[in-house]
């Protein structure tokens, strides 16, 4: 739970401190990954387990998927490649929520 909250806070702070351009860029990546892999009208939550190092996430795997078989797992893995991690290192769990239309 501690890592979960740290990741959410870290991503939020990074996007806020990086300004609107970073947030817009991340939103574009999120949209691209979703359109490529799943139906943007559906909603889902995917939990990833990853290694954070050097400001990036690597070795991500899907821990849970609220909509299995609908491509949200692949969309979350795609999004993870663009998530800014700042100075966070080690194993982390990353929730990725797709709100649907």
N, C-alpha and C. Protein backbone atom coordinates (compact mmCIF):
# COMPACT_ATOMS: atom_id res chain seq x y z
N UNK A 1 0.83 -1.19 0.00
CA UNK A 1 0.00 0.00 0.00
C UNK A 1 0.87 1.26 0.00
N UNK A 2 1.97 1.21 0.74
CA UNK A 2 2.87 2.36 0.82
C UNK A 2 3.44 2.70 -0.56
N UNK A 3 3.92 1.68 -1.30
CA UNK A 3 4.45 1.93 -2.64
C UNK A 3 3.36 2.41 -3.59
N UNK A 4 2.16 1.86 -3.44
CA UNK A 4 1.02 2.22 -4.27
C UNK A 4 0.74 3.72 -4.14
N UNK A 5 0.68 4.21 -2.90
CA UNK A 5 0.42 5.63 -2.67
C UNK A 5 1.58 6.49 -3.14
N UNK A 6 2.80 6.00 -2.95
CA UNK A 6 3.98 6.75 -3.39
C UNK A 6 3.99 6.92 -4.90
N UNK A 7 3.61 5.90 -5.62
CA UNK A 7 3.58 5.97 -7.08
C UNK A 7 2.53 6.97 -7.54
N UNK A 8 1.33 6.89 -6.97
CA UNK A 8 0.28 7.83 -7.36
C UNK A 8 0.72 9.26 -7.08
N UNK A 9 1.27 9.49 -5.89
CA UNK A 9 1.73 10.83 -5.53
C UNK A 9 2.88 11.27 -6.43
N UNK A 10 3.81 10.36 -6.71
CA UNK A 10 4.95 10.69 -7.55
C UNK A 10 4.55 11.05 -8.97
N UNK A 11 3.66 10.28 -9.55
CA UNK A 11 3.20 10.56 -10.91
C UNK A 11 2.44 11.88 -10.93
N UNK A 12 1.57 12.09 -9.94
CA UNK A 12 0.80 13.34 -9.89
C UNK A 12 1.72 14.55 -9.77
N UNK A 13 2.69 14.48 -8.85
CA UNK A 13 3.62 15.59 -8.66
C UNK A 13 4.47 15.84 -9.89
N UNK A 14 4.93 14.78 -10.52
CA UNK A 14 5.75 14.94 -11.72
C UNK A 14 4.97 15.63 -12.82
N UNK A 15 3.71 15.22 -13.00
CA UNK A 15 2.90 15.85 -14.03
C UNK A 15 2.59 17.30 -13.68
N UNK A 16 2.32 17.58 -12.40
CA UNK A 16 2.05 18.96 -12.00
C UNK A 16 3.28 19.85 -12.14
N UNK A 17 4.42 19.35 -11.67
CA UNK A 17 5.64 20.13 -11.74
C UNK A 17 6.15 20.29 -13.17
N UNK A 18 5.88 19.28 -13.99
CA UNK A 18 6.32 19.33 -15.37
C UNK A 18 5.49 20.27 -16.21
N UNK A 19 4.34 20.65 -15.70
CA UNK A 19 3.50 21.60 -16.38
C UNK A 19 2.50 20.94 -17.31
N UNK A 20 1.73 21.78 -17.95
CA UNK A 20 0.66 21.33 -18.82
C UNK A 20 1.18 20.55 -20.02
N UNK A 21 2.37 20.91 -20.51
CA UNK A 21 2.92 20.22 -21.67
C UNK A 21 3.18 18.75 -21.35
N UNK A 22 3.74 18.47 -20.18
CA UNK A 22 4.00 17.08 -19.79
C UNK A 22 2.70 16.33 -19.60
N UNK A 23 1.73 16.96 -18.96
CA UNK A 23 0.44 16.32 -18.75
C UNK A 23 -0.25 16.04 -20.08
N UNK A 24 -0.16 16.99 -21.00
CA UNK A 24 -0.78 16.80 -22.32
C UNK A 24 -0.08 15.68 -23.07
N UNK A 25 1.24 15.62 -22.99
CA UNK A 25 2.00 14.58 -23.65
C UNK A 25 1.65 13.21 -23.09
N UNK A 26 1.55 13.12 -21.75
CA UNK A 26 1.18 11.85 -21.13
C UNK A 26 -0.23 11.45 -21.54
N UNK A 27 -1.16 12.41 -21.58
CA UNK A 27 -2.53 12.11 -21.99
C UNK A 27 -2.57 11.60 -23.42
N UNK A 28 -1.75 12.16 -24.30
CA UNK A 28 -1.68 11.69 -25.69
C UNK A 28 -1.19 10.24 -25.74
N UNK A 29 -0.18 9.93 -24.93
CA UNK A 29 0.33 8.56 -24.88
C UNK A 29 -0.74 7.62 -24.35
N UNK A 30 -1.43 8.02 -23.30
CA UNK A 30 -2.50 7.21 -22.74
C UNK A 30 -3.57 6.93 -23.79
N UNK A 31 -3.99 7.98 -24.49
CA UNK A 31 -5.01 7.83 -25.53
C UNK A 31 -4.54 6.90 -26.65
N UNK A 32 -3.29 7.09 -27.08
CA UNK A 32 -2.73 6.26 -28.15
C UNK A 32 -2.70 4.78 -27.75
N UNK A 33 -2.23 4.52 -26.55
CA UNK A 33 -2.14 3.13 -26.07
C UNK A 33 -3.52 2.50 -25.95
N UNK A 34 -4.48 3.28 -25.47
CA UNK A 34 -5.83 2.77 -25.31
C UNK A 34 -6.48 2.46 -26.66
N UNK A 35 -6.39 3.39 -27.59
CA UNK A 35 -6.99 3.20 -28.91
C UNK A 35 -6.37 2.01 -29.64
N UNK A 36 -5.06 1.84 -29.48
CA UNK A 36 -4.35 0.74 -30.14
C UNK A 36 -4.73 -0.63 -29.59
N UNK A 37 -5.03 -0.71 -28.29
CA UNK A 37 -5.18 -2.01 -27.64
C UNK A 37 -6.55 -2.36 -27.09
N UNK A 38 -7.40 -1.37 -26.84
CA UNK A 38 -8.68 -1.66 -26.19
C UNK A 38 -9.76 -0.70 -26.68
N UNK A 39 -10.97 -0.91 -26.22
CA UNK A 39 -12.09 -0.04 -26.57
C UNK A 39 -12.14 1.12 -25.58
N UNK A 40 -11.94 2.33 -26.05
CA UNK A 40 -11.88 3.51 -25.20
C UNK A 40 -13.21 3.79 -24.51
N UNK A 41 -14.30 3.19 -24.98
CA UNK A 41 -15.61 3.40 -24.35
C UNK A 41 -15.77 2.58 -23.08
N UNK A 42 -15.00 1.50 -22.95
CA UNK A 42 -15.08 0.64 -21.77
C UNK A 42 -14.16 1.18 -20.68
N UNK A 43 -14.44 0.77 -19.45
CA UNK A 43 -13.57 1.17 -18.34
C UNK A 43 -12.90 -0.07 -17.75
N UNK A 44 -11.75 0.15 -17.14
CA UNK A 44 -11.02 -0.96 -16.51
C UNK A 44 -9.93 -0.38 -15.61
N UNK A 45 -9.49 -1.22 -14.69
CA UNK A 45 -8.34 -0.89 -13.85
C UNK A 45 -7.37 -2.05 -13.93
N UNK A 46 -6.12 -1.73 -14.20
CA UNK A 46 -5.07 -2.74 -14.32
C UNK A 46 -3.97 -2.40 -13.30
N UNK A 47 -3.53 -3.41 -12.55
CA UNK A 47 -2.43 -3.22 -11.61
C UNK A 47 -1.19 -3.87 -12.22
N UNK A 48 -0.11 -3.09 -12.29
CA UNK A 48 1.16 -3.57 -12.82
C UNK A 48 2.18 -3.69 -11.70
N UNK A 49 3.07 -4.64 -11.81
CA UNK A 49 4.24 -4.74 -10.94
C UNK A 49 5.44 -4.46 -11.84
N UNK A 50 6.25 -3.47 -11.46
CA UNK A 50 7.37 -3.04 -12.30
C UNK A 50 8.61 -2.78 -11.46
N UNK A 51 9.70 -2.58 -12.16
CA UNK A 51 10.94 -2.13 -11.54
C UNK A 51 11.14 -0.68 -11.97
N UNK A 52 11.29 0.23 -10.99
CA UNK A 52 11.56 1.64 -11.27
C UNK A 52 13.05 1.88 -11.12
N UNK A 53 13.62 2.52 -12.14
CA UNK A 53 15.05 2.82 -12.10
C UNK A 53 15.36 3.88 -13.15
N UNK A 54 16.12 4.88 -12.79
CA UNK A 54 16.53 5.90 -13.75
C UNK A 54 15.37 6.68 -14.33
N UNK A 55 14.30 6.85 -13.56
CA UNK A 55 13.16 7.62 -14.03
C UNK A 55 12.22 6.87 -14.95
N UNK A 56 12.46 5.58 -15.16
CA UNK A 56 11.64 4.77 -16.07
C UNK A 56 11.16 3.51 -15.36
N UNK A 57 10.13 2.90 -15.92
CA UNK A 57 9.64 1.61 -15.46
C UNK A 57 10.11 0.53 -16.44
N UNK A 58 10.57 -0.59 -15.90
CA UNK A 58 10.97 -1.72 -16.73
C UNK A 58 10.41 -3.00 -16.13
N UNK A 59 10.51 -4.06 -16.89
CA UNK A 59 10.11 -5.40 -16.44
C UNK A 59 8.72 -5.42 -15.83
N UNK A 60 7.79 -4.74 -16.46
CA UNK A 60 6.42 -4.70 -15.94
C UNK A 60 5.66 -5.98 -16.27
N UNK A 61 4.83 -6.38 -15.34
CA UNK A 61 3.92 -7.51 -15.55
C UNK A 61 2.57 -7.16 -14.97
N UNK A 62 1.53 -7.77 -15.51
CA UNK A 62 0.17 -7.50 -15.07
C UNK A 62 -0.13 -8.35 -13.83
N UNK A 63 -0.55 -7.68 -12.75
CA UNK A 63 -0.91 -8.36 -11.52
C UNK A 63 -2.41 -8.64 -11.51
N UNK A 64 -3.20 -7.66 -11.94
CA UNK A 64 -4.65 -7.85 -12.01
C UNK A 64 -5.22 -6.98 -13.13
N UNK A 65 -6.37 -7.40 -13.62
CA UNK A 65 -7.05 -6.71 -14.72
C UNK A 65 -8.54 -6.87 -14.48
N UNK A 66 -9.25 -5.76 -14.31
CA UNK A 66 -10.69 -5.83 -14.02
C UNK A 66 -11.53 -6.21 -15.24
N UNK A 67 -10.92 -6.18 -16.43
CA UNK A 67 -11.64 -6.53 -17.66
C UNK A 67 -10.76 -7.44 -18.52
N UNK A 68 -10.50 -8.67 -18.03
CA UNK A 68 -9.60 -9.55 -18.78
C UNK A 68 -10.09 -9.85 -20.19
N UNK A 69 -9.11 -9.96 -21.09
CA UNK A 69 -9.43 -10.31 -22.47
C UNK A 69 -9.88 -9.15 -23.33
N UNK A 70 -9.91 -7.93 -22.78
CA UNK A 70 -10.38 -6.77 -23.55
C UNK A 70 -9.25 -5.84 -23.98
N UNK A 71 -8.00 -6.23 -23.72
CA UNK A 71 -6.85 -5.45 -24.19
C UNK A 71 -6.34 -4.38 -23.25
N UNK A 72 -6.98 -4.22 -22.09
CA UNK A 72 -6.53 -3.19 -21.17
C UNK A 72 -5.18 -3.53 -20.55
N UNK A 73 -4.87 -4.83 -20.46
CA UNK A 73 -3.56 -5.23 -19.95
C UNK A 73 -2.46 -4.72 -20.88
N UNK A 74 -2.66 -4.89 -22.18
CA UNK A 74 -1.67 -4.41 -23.15
C UNK A 74 -1.60 -2.88 -23.15
N UNK A 75 -2.74 -2.23 -23.01
CA UNK A 75 -2.76 -0.76 -22.97
C UNK A 75 -2.00 -0.25 -21.74
N UNK A 76 -2.18 -0.91 -20.61
CA UNK A 76 -1.48 -0.50 -19.38
C UNK A 76 0.03 -0.68 -19.51
N UNK A 77 0.45 -1.78 -20.12
CA UNK A 77 1.88 -2.01 -20.33
C UNK A 77 2.46 -0.95 -21.26
N UNK A 78 1.69 -0.54 -22.25
CA UNK A 78 2.11 0.52 -23.16
C UNK A 78 2.24 1.85 -22.42
N UNK A 79 1.26 2.16 -21.57
CA UNK A 79 1.28 3.40 -20.79
C UNK A 79 2.47 3.43 -19.84
N UNK A 80 2.80 2.28 -19.26
CA UNK A 80 3.90 2.21 -18.29
C UNK A 80 5.22 2.69 -18.89
N UNK A 81 5.40 2.49 -20.18
CA UNK A 81 6.63 2.93 -20.84
C UNK A 81 6.80 4.44 -20.79
N UNK A 82 5.69 5.18 -20.65
CA UNK A 82 5.74 6.64 -20.66
C UNK A 82 5.57 7.28 -19.28
N UNK A 83 5.30 6.48 -18.26
CA UNK A 83 5.09 7.04 -16.92
C UNK A 83 6.40 7.58 -16.34
N UNK A 84 6.40 8.83 -15.93
CA UNK A 84 7.61 9.39 -15.30
C UNK A 84 7.72 8.90 -13.86
N UNK A 85 8.89 8.45 -13.46
CA UNK A 85 9.09 7.91 -12.13
C UNK A 85 10.00 8.75 -11.25
N UNK A 86 10.60 9.78 -11.81
CA UNK A 86 11.49 10.63 -11.00
C UNK A 86 12.61 9.80 -10.41
N UNK A 87 12.86 9.97 -9.12
CA UNK A 87 13.96 9.28 -8.45
C UNK A 87 13.56 7.97 -7.81
N UNK A 88 12.35 7.51 -8.01
CA UNK A 88 11.88 6.26 -7.40
C UNK A 88 12.66 5.09 -7.96
N UNK A 89 13.07 4.17 -7.08
CA UNK A 89 13.78 2.96 -7.52
C UNK A 89 13.22 1.75 -6.80
N UNK A 90 13.42 0.59 -7.40
CA UNK A 90 12.99 -0.66 -6.79
C UNK A 90 11.68 -1.17 -7.35
N UNK A 91 11.15 -2.19 -6.71
CA UNK A 91 9.89 -2.79 -7.14
C UNK A 91 8.73 -1.89 -6.73
N UNK A 92 7.83 -1.66 -7.68
CA UNK A 92 6.66 -0.82 -7.42
C UNK A 92 5.43 -1.44 -8.05
N UNK A 93 4.29 -1.15 -7.47
CA UNK A 93 3.01 -1.53 -8.08
C UNK A 93 2.40 -0.25 -8.62
N UNK A 94 1.93 -0.34 -9.85
CA UNK A 94 1.41 0.84 -10.54
C UNK A 94 -0.02 0.58 -10.99
N UNK A 95 -0.99 1.31 -10.43
CA UNK A 95 -2.37 1.18 -10.90
C UNK A 95 -2.57 2.05 -12.15
N UNK A 96 -3.24 1.49 -13.15
CA UNK A 96 -3.56 2.26 -14.34
C UNK A 96 -5.07 2.14 -14.52
N UNK A 97 -5.75 3.30 -14.47
CA UNK A 97 -7.21 3.32 -14.56
C UNK A 97 -7.62 3.92 -15.88
N UNK A 98 -8.50 3.19 -16.57
CA UNK A 98 -9.08 3.66 -17.83
C UNK A 98 -10.55 3.96 -17.53
N UNK A 99 -10.94 5.24 -17.54
CA UNK A 99 -12.28 5.61 -17.08
C UNK A 99 -13.43 5.28 -18.04
N UNK A 100 -13.14 5.07 -19.30
CA UNK A 100 -14.20 4.82 -20.27
C UNK A 100 -14.90 6.11 -20.66
N UNK A 101 -15.79 5.98 -21.61
CA UNK A 101 -16.50 7.17 -22.11
C UNK A 101 -17.85 7.34 -21.46
